[in-house]
C-alpha atoms as a PDB file:
ATOM      1  CA  MET A   1     -20.915  15.855 -23.149  1.00  0.00           C
ATOM      2  CA  LYS A   2     -18.865  13.670 -24.881  1.00  0.00           C
ATOM      3  CA  LYS A   3     -19.931   9.874 -24.359  1.00  0.00           C
ATOM      4  CA  GLU A   4     -16.658   8.221 -25.053  1.00  0.00           C
ATOM      5  CA  GLY A   5     -14.880  10.444 -22.735  1.00  0.00           C
ATOM      6  CA  HIS A   6     -16.188   8.146 -19.824  1.00  0.00           C
ATOM      7  CA  PRO A   7     -14.235   5.143 -18.745  1.00  0.00           C
ATOM      8  CA  ASP A   8     -16.373   1.716 -19.058  1.00  0.00           C
ATOM      9  CA  TYR A   9     -16.946   1.259 -15.603  1.00  0.00           C
ATOM     10  CA  HIS A  10     -18.567  -2.633 -14.826  1.00  0.00           C
ATOM     11  CA  MET A  11     -18.811  -4.996 -12.294  1.00  0.00           C
ATOM     12  CA  ILE A  12     -15.896  -7.130 -11.410  1.00  0.00           C
ATOM     13  CA  LYS A  13     -14.813  -9.459  -8.502  1.00  0.00           C
ATOM     14  CA  VAL A  14     -11.918  -8.570  -5.873  1.00  0.00           C
ATOM     15  CA  GLN A  15     -10.800 -11.349  -4.099  1.00  0.00           C
ATOM     16  CA  MET A  16      -8.726 -10.761  -0.723  1.00  0.00           C
ATOM     17  CA  THR A  17      -5.811 -12.590   0.652  1.00  0.00           C
ATOM     18  CA  ASP A  18      -8.045 -14.930   2.856  1.00  0.00           C
ATOM     19  CA  GLY A  19      -9.922 -15.934  -0.216  1.00  0.00           C
ATOM     20  CA  THR A  20     -13.222 -13.760   0.551  1.00  0.00           C
ATOM     21  CA  VAL A  21     -14.698 -12.111  -2.529  1.00  0.00           C
ATOM     22  CA  PHE A  22     -16.537  -9.162  -3.280  1.00  0.00           C
ATOM     23  CA  GLU A  23     -18.493  -7.261  -6.357  1.00  0.00           C
ATOM     24  CA  THR A  24     -17.533  -3.694  -7.060  1.00  0.00           C
ATOM     25  CA  ARG A  25     -17.650  -1.276 -10.149  1.00  0.00           C
ATOM     26  CA  SER A  26     -14.296  -0.923 -11.612  1.00  0.00           C
ATOM     27  CA  THR A  27     -12.539   0.418 -14.636  1.00  0.00           C
ATOM     28  CA  TRP A  28     -10.214  -2.445 -14.493  1.00  0.00           C
ATOM     29  CA  GLY A  29     -10.291  -5.384 -16.482  1.00  0.00           C
ATOM     30  CA  LYS A  30     -13.389  -6.768 -18.448  1.00  0.00           C
ATOM     31  CA  GLU A  31     -17.169  -7.211 -17.155  1.00  0.00           C
ATOM     32  CA  GLY A  32     -17.109 -10.434 -14.657  1.00  0.00           C
ATOM     33  CA  ASP A  33     -13.064 -10.250 -14.343  1.00  0.00           C
ATOM     34  CA  THR A  34     -11.729 -11.010 -10.580  1.00  0.00           C
ATOM     35  CA  MET A  35      -8.955  -9.071  -9.288  1.00  0.00           C
ATOM     36  CA  VAL A  36      -6.948 -11.455  -6.797  1.00  0.00           C
ATOM     37  CA  LEU A  37      -5.003  -8.856  -4.267  1.00  0.00           C
ATOM     38  CA  ASP A  38      -1.508  -9.970  -2.889  1.00  0.00           C
ATOM     39  CA  ILE A  39      -1.449  -7.656  -0.430  1.00  0.00           C
ATOM     40  CA  ASP A  40      -4.512  -6.011   1.046  1.00  0.00           C
ATOM     41  CA  PRO A  41      -5.875  -4.399   4.798  1.00  0.00           C
ATOM     42  CA  LEU A  42      -6.244  -7.846   6.507  1.00  0.00           C
ATOM     43  CA  ALA A  43      -2.212  -8.920   5.623  1.00  0.00           C
ATOM     44  CA  HIS A  44      -0.130  -5.598   5.588  1.00  0.00           C
ATOM     45  CA  PRO A  45       1.507  -4.199   8.160  1.00  0.00           C
ATOM     46  CA  ALA A  46       0.559  -0.904   7.960  1.00  0.00           C
ATOM     47  CA  TRP A  47      -3.524  -1.686   8.602  1.00  0.00           C
ATOM     48  CA  THR A  48      -2.419  -5.017  10.622  1.00  0.00           C
ATOM     49  CA  GLY A  49      -0.275  -3.007  13.937  1.00  0.00           C
ATOM     50  CA  GLY A  50       2.943  -5.021  12.469  1.00  0.00           C
ATOM     51  CA  SER A  51       6.014  -4.279  14.159  1.00  0.00           C
ATOM     52  CA  ALA A  52       7.471  -1.262  13.789  1.00  0.00           C
ATOM     53  CA  ARG A  53      11.300  -1.091  13.238  1.00  0.00           C
ATOM     54  CA  LEU A  54      13.637   1.454  12.256  1.00  0.00           C
ATOM     55  CA  MET A  55      15.499  -0.120   8.924  1.00  0.00           C
ATOM     56  CA  ASP A  56      19.420   0.867   9.576  1.00  0.00           C
ATOM     57  CA  SER A  57      21.319   0.028   6.836  1.00  0.00           C
ATOM     58  CA  ALA A  58      24.582  -0.962   7.232  1.00  0.00           C
ATOM     59  CA  GLY A  59      24.823   1.211  10.736  1.00  0.00           C
ATOM     60  CA  GLN A  60      23.692   4.639   8.763  1.00  0.00           C
ATOM     61  CA  VAL A  61      21.916   5.948  11.633  1.00  0.00           C
ATOM     62  CA  ALA A  62      24.517   5.066  14.166  1.00  0.00           C
ATOM     63  CA  LYS A  63      27.192   6.710  11.164  1.00  0.00           C
ATOM     64  CA  PHE A  64      24.534   9.434  11.204  1.00  0.00           C
ATOM     65  CA  ASN A  65      24.288   9.869  15.543  1.00  0.00           C
ATOM     66  CA  LYS A  66      28.395   9.584  15.850  1.00  0.00           C
ATOM     67  CA  ARG A  67      28.854  12.389  12.890  1.00  0.00           C
ATOM     68  CA  PHE A  68      26.186  14.850  14.137  1.00  0.00           C
ATOM     69  CA  GLY A  69      25.115  13.765  17.756  1.00  0.00           C
ATOM     70  CA  GLY A  70      26.982  16.737  19.413  1.00  0.00           C
ATOM     71  CA  LEU A  71      25.148  19.044  17.104  1.00  0.00           C
ATOM     72  CA  SER A  72      22.531  21.543  19.432  1.00  0.00           C
ATOM     73  CA  LEU A  73      20.678  24.625  18.331  1.00  0.00           C
ATOM     74  CA  LYS A  74      21.853  25.929  21.756  1.00  0.00           C
ATOM     75  CA  ARG A  75      24.335  28.934  21.544  1.00  0.00           C
END
C-alpha cells in the first residue's frame, strides 16, 4: 500500500468549554496544537437536556393549523 495515501495522525490537545484539556490522536492541525471547542457535550442543549421549544417563526405553525386543522384521513 502507498505510504502517501494515509493521513498524518499525531497527538493534539482538545480544550473543552469548562477549561479541561485532554489529549487525543487526530489529523487536525500539527503535533502539539490545541483545539479549543466552542460547543461540546458539556454546553450544548442536545446533551444537557436543555428546554425543547418549537420555534414558531411568524406564527407559521398557527397558520398551518388554521388552514389544514380540519382535514382528516377518515372518509
